[in-house]
Amino acid sequence: MISATNPNLQTERELLLTRALRNADPEAEVSIDHETGQLSISTVLGEGEVMELLAGLGVDAAPIPAAHGEGGNCCGGCGG
């Protein structure tokens, strides 16, 4: 998880992460929840590839399964 108190810093980190991911997946989307610091990534890359890329950028992250169903933050990927 990434957390920062400076919203501009988070925006800069979002841009850095998005650029890095888009080198491997041009359609990748990155967002950081400005209150919790939670990083969300939508990509066709595998989990291992994303974790390796994040580690290379100095981001200490752990995958969290996307929530599906009512009240969850559906990623829309499975159509469920």
PDB file of N, CA and C in Angstrom:
ATOM      1  N   MET A   1       0.843  -1.164   0.000  1.00  0.00           N
ATOM      2  CA  MET A   1       0.000   0.000   0.000  1.00  0.00           C
ATOM      3  C   MET A   1       0.892   1.231   0.000  1.00  0.00           C
ATOM      4  N   ILE A   2       0.445   2.265  -0.678  1.00  0.00           N
ATOM      5  CA  ILE A   2       1.158   3.535  -0.709  1.00  0.00           C
ATOM      6  C   ILE A   2       0.352   4.516   0.117  1.00  0.00           C
ATOM      7  N   SER A   3       1.008   5.254   0.988  1.00  0.00           N
ATOM      8  CA  SER A   3       0.286   6.301   1.689  1.00  0.00           C
ATOM      9  C   SER A   3       1.151   7.548   1.720  1.00  0.00           C
ATOM     10  N   ALA A   4       0.514   8.662   1.579  1.00  0.00           N
ATOM     11  CA  ALA A   4       1.202   9.943   1.607  1.00  0.00           C
ATOM     12  C   ALA A   4       0.201  11.003   2.038  1.00  0.00           C
ATOM     13  N   THR A   5       0.689  12.059   2.667  1.00  0.00           N
ATOM     14  CA  THR A   5      -0.219  13.109   3.106  1.00  0.00           C
ATOM     15  C   THR A   5      -0.307  14.245   2.101  1.00  0.00           C
ATOM     16  N   ASN A   6       0.627  14.328   1.205  1.00  0.00           N
ATOM     17  CA  ASN A   6       0.640  15.386   0.202  1.00  0.00           C
ATOM     18  C   ASN A   6      -0.081  14.896  -1.047  1.00  0.00           C
ATOM     19  N   PRO A   7      -1.285  15.466  -1.357  1.00  0.00           N
ATOM     20  CA  PRO A   7      -2.020  15.001  -2.542  1.00  0.00           C
ATOM     21  C   PRO A   7      -1.214  15.138  -3.828  1.00  0.00           C
ATOM     22  N   ASN A   8      -0.375  16.158  -3.928  1.00  0.00           N
ATOM     23  CA  ASN A   8       0.444  16.319  -5.131  1.00  0.00           C
ATOM     24  C   ASN A   8       1.436  15.175  -5.265  1.00  0.00           C
ATOM     25  N   LEU A   9       1.965  14.713  -4.130  1.00  0.00           N
ATOM     26  CA  LEU A   9       2.889  13.582  -4.156  1.00  0.00           C
ATOM     27  C   LEU A   9       2.163  12.352  -4.667  1.00  0.00           C
ATOM     28  N   GLN A  10       0.938  12.121  -4.206  1.00  0.00           N
ATOM     29  CA  GLN A  10       0.185  10.964  -4.678  1.00  0.00           C
ATOM     30  C   GLN A  10      -0.063  11.065  -6.169  1.00  0.00           C
ATOM     31  N   THR A  11      -0.400  12.240  -6.654  1.00  0.00           N
ATOM     32  CA  THR A  11      -0.637  12.425  -8.077  1.00  0.00           C
ATOM     33  C   THR A  11       0.638  12.124  -8.858  1.00  0.00           C
ATOM     34  N   GLU A  12       1.768  12.588  -8.366  1.00  0.00           N
ATOM     35  CA  GLU A  12       3.046  12.309  -9.029  1.00  0.00           C
ATOM     36  C   GLU A  12       3.332  10.813  -9.024  1.00  0.00           C
ATOM     37  N   ARG A  13       3.041  10.148  -7.920  1.00  0.00           N
ATOM     38  CA  ARG A  13       3.271   8.699  -7.842  1.00  0.00           C
ATOM     39  C   ARG A  13       2.338   7.964  -8.790  1.00  0.00           C
ATOM     40  N   GLU A  14       1.084   8.418  -8.875  1.00  0.00           N
ATOM     41  CA  GLU A  14       0.143   7.806  -9.813  1.00  0.00           C
ATOM     42  C   GLU A  14       0.685   7.903 -11.229  1.00  0.00           C
ATOM     43  N   LEU A  15       1.180   9.073 -11.597  1.00  0.00           N
ATOM     44  CA  LEU A  15       1.729   9.267 -12.940  1.00  0.00           C
ATOM     45  C   LEU A  15       2.939   8.369 -13.171  1.00  0.00           C
ATOM     46  N   LEU A  16       3.825   8.290 -12.200  1.00  0.00           N
ATOM     47  CA  LEU A  16       5.014   7.443 -12.318  1.00  0.00           C
ATOM     48  C   LEU A  16       4.614   5.984 -12.481  1.00  0.00           C
ATOM     49  N   LEU A  17       3.708   5.505 -11.641  1.00  0.00           N
ATOM     50  CA  LEU A  17       3.271   4.115 -11.717  1.00  0.00           C
ATOM     51  C   LEU A  17       2.537   3.836 -13.019  1.00  0.00           C
ATOM     52  N   THR A  18       1.693   4.769 -13.449  1.00  0.00           N
ATOM     53  CA  THR A  18       0.952   4.590 -14.696  1.00  0.00           C
ATOM     54  C   THR A  18       1.904   4.501 -15.876  1.00  0.00           C
ATOM     55  N   ARG A  19       2.879   5.385 -15.927  1.00  0.00           N
ATOM     56  CA  ARG A  19       3.858   5.355 -17.026  1.00  0.00           C
ATOM     57  C   ARG A  19       4.612   4.026 -17.054  1.00  0.00           C
ATOM     58  N   ALA A  20       5.039   3.576 -15.887  1.00  0.00           N
ATOM     59  CA  ALA A  20       5.794   2.332 -15.816  1.00  0.00           C
ATOM     60  C   ALA A  20       4.939   1.146 -16.257  1.00  0.00           C
ATOM     61  N   LEU A  21       3.703   1.080 -15.789  1.00  0.00           N
ATOM     62  CA  LEU A  21       2.820  -0.015 -16.177  1.00  0.00           C
ATOM     63  C   LEU A  21       2.465   0.042 -17.652  1.00  0.00           C
ATOM     64  N   ARG A  22       2.271   1.238 -18.167  1.00  0.00           N
ATOM     65  CA  ARG A  22       1.887   1.370 -19.577  1.00  0.00           C
ATOM     66  C   ARG A  22       3.020   1.040 -20.527  1.00  0.00           C
ATOM     67  N   ASN A  23       4.241   0.995 -20.041  1.00  0.00           N
ATOM     68  CA  ASN A  23       5.340   0.503 -20.881  1.00  0.00           C
ATOM     69  C   ASN A  23       5.121  -0.963 -21.211  1.00  0.00           C
ATOM     70  N   ALA A  24       4.503  -1.701 -20.273  1.00  0.00           N
ATOM     71  CA  ALA A  24       4.227  -3.125 -20.482  1.00  0.00           C
ATOM     72  C   ALA A  24       2.806  -3.374 -20.972  1.00  0.00           C
ATOM     73  N   ASP A  25       1.860  -2.516 -20.579  1.00  0.00           N
ATOM     74  CA  ASP A  25       0.448  -2.636 -20.972  1.00  0.00           C
ATOM     75  C   ASP A  25      -0.082  -1.237 -21.260  1.00  0.00           C
ATOM     76  N   PRO A  26      -0.166  -0.853 -22.533  1.00  0.00           N
ATOM     77  CA  PRO A  26      -0.582   0.507 -22.895  1.00  0.00           C
ATOM     78  C   PRO A  26      -1.963   0.916 -22.376  1.00  0.00           C
ATOM     79  N   GLU A  27      -2.799  -0.051 -21.999  1.00  0.00           N
ATOM     80  CA  GLU A  27      -4.147   0.263 -21.510  1.00  0.00           C
ATOM     81  C   GLU A  27      -4.246   0.236 -19.983  1.00  0.00           C
ATOM     82  N   ALA A  28      -3.138   0.039 -19.279  1.00  0.00           N
ATOM     83  CA  ALA A  28      -3.160  -0.058 -17.821  1.00  0.00           C
ATOM     84  C   ALA A  28      -3.701   1.220 -17.185  1.00  0.00           C
ATOM     85  N   GLU A  29      -4.450   1.043 -16.111  1.00  0.00           N
ATOM     86  CA  GLU A  29      -5.002   2.164 -15.341  1.00  0.00           C
ATOM     87  C   GLU A  29      -4.536   2.046 -13.896  1.00  0.00           C
ATOM     88  N   VAL A  30      -4.143   3.160 -13.305  1.00  0.00           N
ATOM     89  CA  VAL A  30      -3.670   3.197 -11.930  1.00  0.00           C
ATOM     90  C   VAL A  30      -4.415   4.292 -11.194  1.00  0.00           C
ATOM     91  N   SER A  31      -4.832   3.987  -9.967  1.00  0.00           N
ATOM     92  CA  SER A  31      -5.400   5.033  -9.127  1.00  0.00           C
ATOM     93  C   SER A  31      -4.980   4.778  -7.690  1.00  0.00           C
ATOM     94  N   ILE A  32      -4.847   5.858  -6.941  1.00  0.00           N
ATOM     95  CA  ILE A  32      -4.508   5.780  -5.530  1.00  0.00           C
ATOM     96  C   ILE A  32      -5.615   6.475  -4.759  1.00  0.00           C
ATOM     97  N   ASP A  33      -6.211   5.770  -3.803  1.00  0.00           N
ATOM     98  CA  ASP A  33      -7.224   6.367  -2.941  1.00  0.00           C
ATOM     99  C   ASP A  33      -6.517   7.388  -2.062  1.00  0.00           C
ATOM    100  N   HIS A  34      -6.880   8.640  -2.200  1.00  0.00           N
ATOM    101  CA  HIS A  34      -6.180   9.716  -1.508  1.00  0.00           C
ATOM    102  C   HIS A  34      -6.424   9.717  -0.010  1.00  0.00           C
ATOM    103  N   GLU A  35      -7.419   8.980   0.471  1.00  0.00           N
ATOM    104  CA  GLU A  35      -7.656   8.897   1.914  1.00  0.00           C
ATOM    105  C   GLU A  35      -6.934   7.711   2.542  1.00  0.00           C
ATOM    106  N   THR A  36      -6.961   6.567   1.870  1.00  0.00           N
ATOM    107  CA  THR A  36      -6.372   5.360   2.446  1.00  0.00           C
ATOM    108  C   THR A  36      -4.987   5.053   1.898  1.00  0.00           C
ATOM    109  N   GLY A  37      -4.666   5.611   0.747  1.00  0.00           N
ATOM    110  CA  GLY A  37      -3.394   5.309   0.097  1.00  0.00           C
ATOM    111  C   GLY A  37      -3.413   4.007  -0.678  1.00  0.00           C
ATOM    112  N   GLN A  38      -4.586   3.353  -0.750  1.00  0.00           N
ATOM    113  CA  GLN A  38      -4.674   2.069  -1.450  1.00  0.00           C
ATOM    114  C   GLN A  38      -4.482   2.259  -2.946  1.00  0.00           C
ATOM    115  N   LEU A  39      -3.614   1.446  -3.498  1.00  0.00           N
ATOM    116  CA  LEU A  39      -3.292   1.466  -4.916  1.00  0.00           C
ATOM    117  C   LEU A  39      -4.186   0.473  -5.642  1.00  0.00           C
ATOM    118  N   SER A  40      -4.836   0.907  -6.721  1.00  0.00           N
ATOM    119  CA  SER A  40      -5.648   0.024  -7.553  1.00  0.00           C
ATOM    120  C   SER A  40      -5.085   0.026  -8.958  1.00  0.00           C
ATOM    121  N   ILE A  41      -4.935  -1.151  -9.524  1.00  0.00           N
ATOM    122  CA  ILE A  41      -4.364  -1.293 -10.863  1.00  0.00           C
ATOM    123  C   ILE A  41      -5.275  -2.178 -11.694  1.00  0.00           C
ATOM    124  N   SER A  42      -5.580  -1.715 -12.898  1.00  0.00           N
ATOM    125  CA  SER A  42      -6.326  -2.508 -13.865  1.00  0.00           C
ATOM    126  C   SER A  42      -5.398  -2.743 -15.050  1.00  0.00           C
ATOM    127  N   THR A  43      -5.076  -4.020 -15.312  1.00  0.00           N
ATOM    128  CA  THR A  43      -4.114  -4.345 -16.359  1.00  0.00           C
ATOM    129  C   THR A  43      -4.320  -5.777 -16.841  1.00  0.00           C
ATOM    130  N   VAL A  44      -3.810  -6.059 -18.019  1.00  0.00           N
ATOM    131  CA  VAL A  44      -3.828  -7.430 -18.528  1.00  0.00           C
ATOM    132  C   VAL A  44      -2.592  -8.198 -18.052  1.00  0.00           C
ATOM    133  N   LEU A  45      -1.657  -7.511 -17.401  1.00  0.00           N
ATOM    134  CA  LEU A  45      -0.455  -8.154 -16.889  1.00  0.00           C
ATOM    135  C   LEU A  45      -0.817  -9.117 -15.770  1.00  0.00           C
ATOM    136  N   GLY A  46      -0.019 -10.144 -15.623  1.00  0.00           N
ATOM    137  CA  GLY A  46      -0.210 -11.094 -14.535  1.00  0.00           C
ATOM    138  C   GLY A  46       0.203 -10.491 -13.201  1.00  0.00           C
ATOM    139  N   GLU A  47      -0.315 -11.086 -12.135  1.00  0.00           N
ATOM    140  CA  GLU A  47      -0.010 -10.594 -10.792  1.00  0.00           C
ATOM    141  C   GLU A  47       1.492 -10.546 -10.532  1.00  0.00           C
ATOM    142  N   GLY A  48       2.206 -11.591 -10.941  1.00  0.00           N
ATOM    143  CA  GLY A  48       3.653 -11.630 -10.740  1.00  0.00           C
ATOM    144  C   GLY A  48       4.373 -10.506 -11.458  1.00  0.00           C
ATOM    145  N   GLU A  49       3.932 -10.227 -12.687  1.00  0.00           N
ATOM    146  CA  GLU A  49       4.541  -9.140 -13.466  1.00  0.00           C
ATOM    147  C   GLU A  49       4.328  -7.791 -12.782  1.00  0.00           C
ATOM    148  N   VAL A  50       3.115  -7.576 -12.289  1.00  0.00           N
ATOM    149  CA  VAL A  50       2.804  -6.310 -11.619  1.00  0.00           C
ATOM    150  C   VAL A  50       3.624  -6.180 -10.337  1.00  0.00           C
ATOM    151  N   MET A  51       3.685  -7.251  -9.555  1.00  0.00           N
ATOM    152  CA  MET A  51       4.439  -7.205  -8.304  1.00  0.00           C
ATOM    153  C   MET A  51       5.916  -6.941  -8.561  1.00  0.00           C
ATOM    154  N   GLU A  52       6.463  -7.554  -9.599  1.00  0.00           N
ATOM    155  CA  GLU A  52       7.868  -7.334  -9.950  1.00  0.00           C
ATOM    156  C   GLU A  52       8.094  -5.884 -10.380  1.00  0.00           C
ATOM    157  N   LEU A  53       7.201  -5.364 -11.180  1.00  0.00           N
ATOM    158  CA  LEU A  53       7.320  -3.986 -11.635  1.00  0.00           C
ATOM    159  C   LEU A  53       7.242  -3.021 -10.446  1.00  0.00           C
ATOM    160  N   LEU A  54       6.282  -3.243  -9.554  1.00  0.00           N
ATOM    161  CA  LEU A  54       6.133  -2.376  -8.383  1.00  0.00           C
ATOM    162  C   LEU A  54       7.367  -2.450  -7.488  1.00  0.00           C
ATOM    163  N   ALA A  55       7.874  -3.658  -7.275  1.00  0.00           N
ATOM    164  CA  ALA A  55       9.076  -3.818  -6.451  1.00  0.00           C
ATOM    165  C   ALA A  55      10.249  -3.057  -7.059  1.00  0.00           C
ATOM    166  N   GLY A  56      10.357  -3.083  -8.383  1.00  0.00           N
ATOM    167  CA  GLY A  56      11.410  -2.352  -9.073  1.00  0.00           C
ATOM    168  C   GLY A  56      11.303  -0.847  -8.907  1.00  0.00           C
ATOM    169  N   LEU A  57      10.100  -0.385  -8.603  1.00  0.00           N
ATOM    170  CA  LEU A  57       9.879   1.049  -8.364  1.00  0.00           C
ATOM    171  C   LEU A  57       9.952   1.394  -6.881  1.00  0.00           C
ATOM    172  N   GLY A  58      10.259   0.390  -6.062  1.00  0.00           N
ATOM    173  CA  GLY A  58      10.362   0.634  -4.623  1.00  0.00           C
ATOM    174  C   GLY A  58       9.031   0.648  -3.899  1.00  0.00           C
ATOM    175  N   VAL A  59       7.998   0.096  -4.530  1.00  0.00           N
ATOM    176  CA  VAL A  59       6.675   0.066  -3.913  1.00  0.00           C
ATOM    177  C   VAL A  59       6.507  -1.264  -3.194  1.00  0.00           C
ATOM    178  N   ASP A  60       6.265  -1.207  -1.894  1.00  0.00           N
ATOM    179  CA  ASP A  60       6.000  -2.401  -1.096  1.00  0.00           C
ATOM    180  C   ASP A  60       4.499  -2.647  -1.152  1.00  0.00           C
ATOM    181  N   ALA A  61       4.087  -3.639  -1.926  1.00  0.00           N
ATOM    182  CA  ALA A  61       2.657  -3.884  -2.140  1.00  0.00           C
ATOM    183  C   ALA A  61       2.349  -5.358  -1.970  1.00  0.00           C
ATOM    184  N   ALA A  62       1.089  -5.629  -1.677  1.00  0.00           N
ATOM    185  CA  ALA A  62       0.589  -7.000  -1.599  1.00  0.00           C
ATOM    186  C   ALA A  62      -0.745  -7.032  -2.320  1.00  0.00           C
ATOM    187  N   PRO A  63      -0.977  -8.060  -3.130  1.00  0.00           N
ATOM    188  CA  PRO A  63      -2.242  -8.123  -3.877  1.00  0.00           C
ATOM    189  C   PRO A  63      -3.433  -8.343  -2.949  1.00  0.00           C
ATOM    190  N   ILE A  64      -4.529  -7.679  -3.284  1.00  0.00           N
ATOM    191  CA  ILE A  64      -5.806  -7.842  -2.596  1.00  0.00           C
ATOM    192  C   ILE A  64      -6.820  -8.197  -3.675  1.00  0.00           C
ATOM    193  N   PRO A  65      -7.546  -9.310  -3.522  1.00  0.00           N
ATOM    194  CA  PRO A  65      -8.536  -9.668  -4.546  1.00  0.00           C
ATOM    195  C   PRO A  65      -9.573  -8.566  -4.724  1.00  0.00           C
ATOM    196  N   ALA A  66      -9.966  -8.346  -5.963  1.00  0.00           N
ATOM    197  CA  ALA A  66     -11.009  -7.352  -6.249  1.00  0.00           C
ATOM    198  C   ALA A  66     -12.315  -7.802  -5.623  1.00  0.00           C
ATOM    199  N   ALA A  67     -13.046  -6.844  -5.058  1.00  0.00           N
ATOM    200  CA  ALA A  67     -14.348  -7.146  -4.460  1.00  0.00           C
ATOM    201  C   ALA A  67     -15.402  -7.166  -5.558  1.00  0.00           C
ATOM    202  N   HIS A  68     -16.297  -8.134  -5.479  1.00  0.00           N
ATOM    203  CA  HIS A  68     -17.355  -8.250  -6.465  1.00  0.00           C
ATOM    204  C   HIS A  68     -18.700  -8.314  -5.769  1.00  0.00           C
ATOM    205  N   GLY A  69     -19.707  -7.865  -6.449  1.00  0.00           N
ATOM    206  CA  GLY A  69     -21.059  -7.965  -5.912  1.00  0.00           C
ATOM    207  C   GLY A  69     -21.522  -6.670  -5.277  1.00  0.00           C
ATOM    208  N   GLU A  70     -22.697  -6.701  -4.688  1.00  0.00           N
ATOM    209  CA  GLU A  70     -23.287  -5.511  -4.096  1.00  0.00           C
ATOM    210  C   GLU A  70     -22.397  -4.971  -2.990  1.00  0.00           C
ATOM    211  N   GLY A  71     -22.214  -3.666  -2.990  1.00  0.00           N
ATOM    212  CA  GLY A  71     -21.407  -3.008  -1.979  1.00  0.00           C
ATOM    213  C   GLY A  71     -19.911  -3.124  -2.214  1.00  0.00           C
ATOM    214  N   GLY A  72     -19.501  -3.894  -3.207  1.00  0.00           N
ATOM    215  CA  GLY A  72     -18.073  -4.044  -3.497  1.00  0.00           C
ATOM    216  C   GLY A  72     -17.665  -3.116  -4.611  1.00  0.00           C
ATOM    217  N   ASN A  73     -16.370  -2.972  -4.754  1.00  0.00           N
ATOM    218  CA  ASN A  73     -15.821  -2.164  -5.832  1.00  0.00           C
ATOM    219  C   ASN A  73     -15.518  -3.083  -7.009  1.00  0.00           C
ATOM    220  N   CYS A  74     -16.531  -3.397  -7.770  1.00  0.00           N
ATOM    221  CA  CYS A  74     -16.384  -4.343  -8.885  1.00  0.00           C
ATOM    222  C   CYS A  74     -15.444  -3.782  -9.934  1.00  0.00           C
ATOM    223  N   CYS A  75     -14.503  -4.613 -10.355  1.00  0.00           N
ATOM    224  CA  CYS A  75     -13.563  -4.184 -11.384  1.00  0.00           C
ATOM    225  C   CYS A  75     -14.181  -4.323 -12.781  1.00  0.00           C
ATOM    226  N   GLY A  76     -15.264  -5.085 -12.889  1.00  0.00           N
ATOM    227  CA  GLY A  76     -15.924  -5.266 -14.173  1.00  0.00           C
ATOM    228  C   GLY A  76     -15.277  -6.297 -15.066  1.00  0.00           C
ATOM    229  N   GLY A  77     -14.168  -6.884 -14.606  1.00  0.00           N
ATOM    230  CA  GLY A  77     -13.406  -7.802 -15.442  1.00  0.00           C
ATOM    231  C   GLY A  77     -14.048  -9.157 -15.676  1.00  0.00           C
ATOM    232  N   CYS A  78     -14.788  -9.665 -14.699  1.00  0.00           N
ATOM    233  CA  CYS A  78     -15.317 -11.030 -14.842  1.00  0.00           C
ATOM    234  C   CYS A  78     -16.757 -11.036 -15.325  1.00  0.00           C
ATOM    235  N   GLY A  79     -17.408  -9.895 -15.292  1.00  0.00           N
ATOM    236  CA  GLY A  79     -18.799  -9.827 -15.714  1.00  0.00           C
ATOM    237  C   GLY A  79     -19.761 -10.397 -14.692  1.00  0.00           C
ATOM    238  N   GLY A  80     -19.257 -10.707 -13.487  1.00  0.00           N
ATOM    239  CA  GLY A  80     -20.080 -11.307 -12.443  1.00  0.00           C
ATOM    240  C   GLY A  80     -20.788 -10.330 -11.569  1.00  0.00           C
TER     241      GLY A  80
END
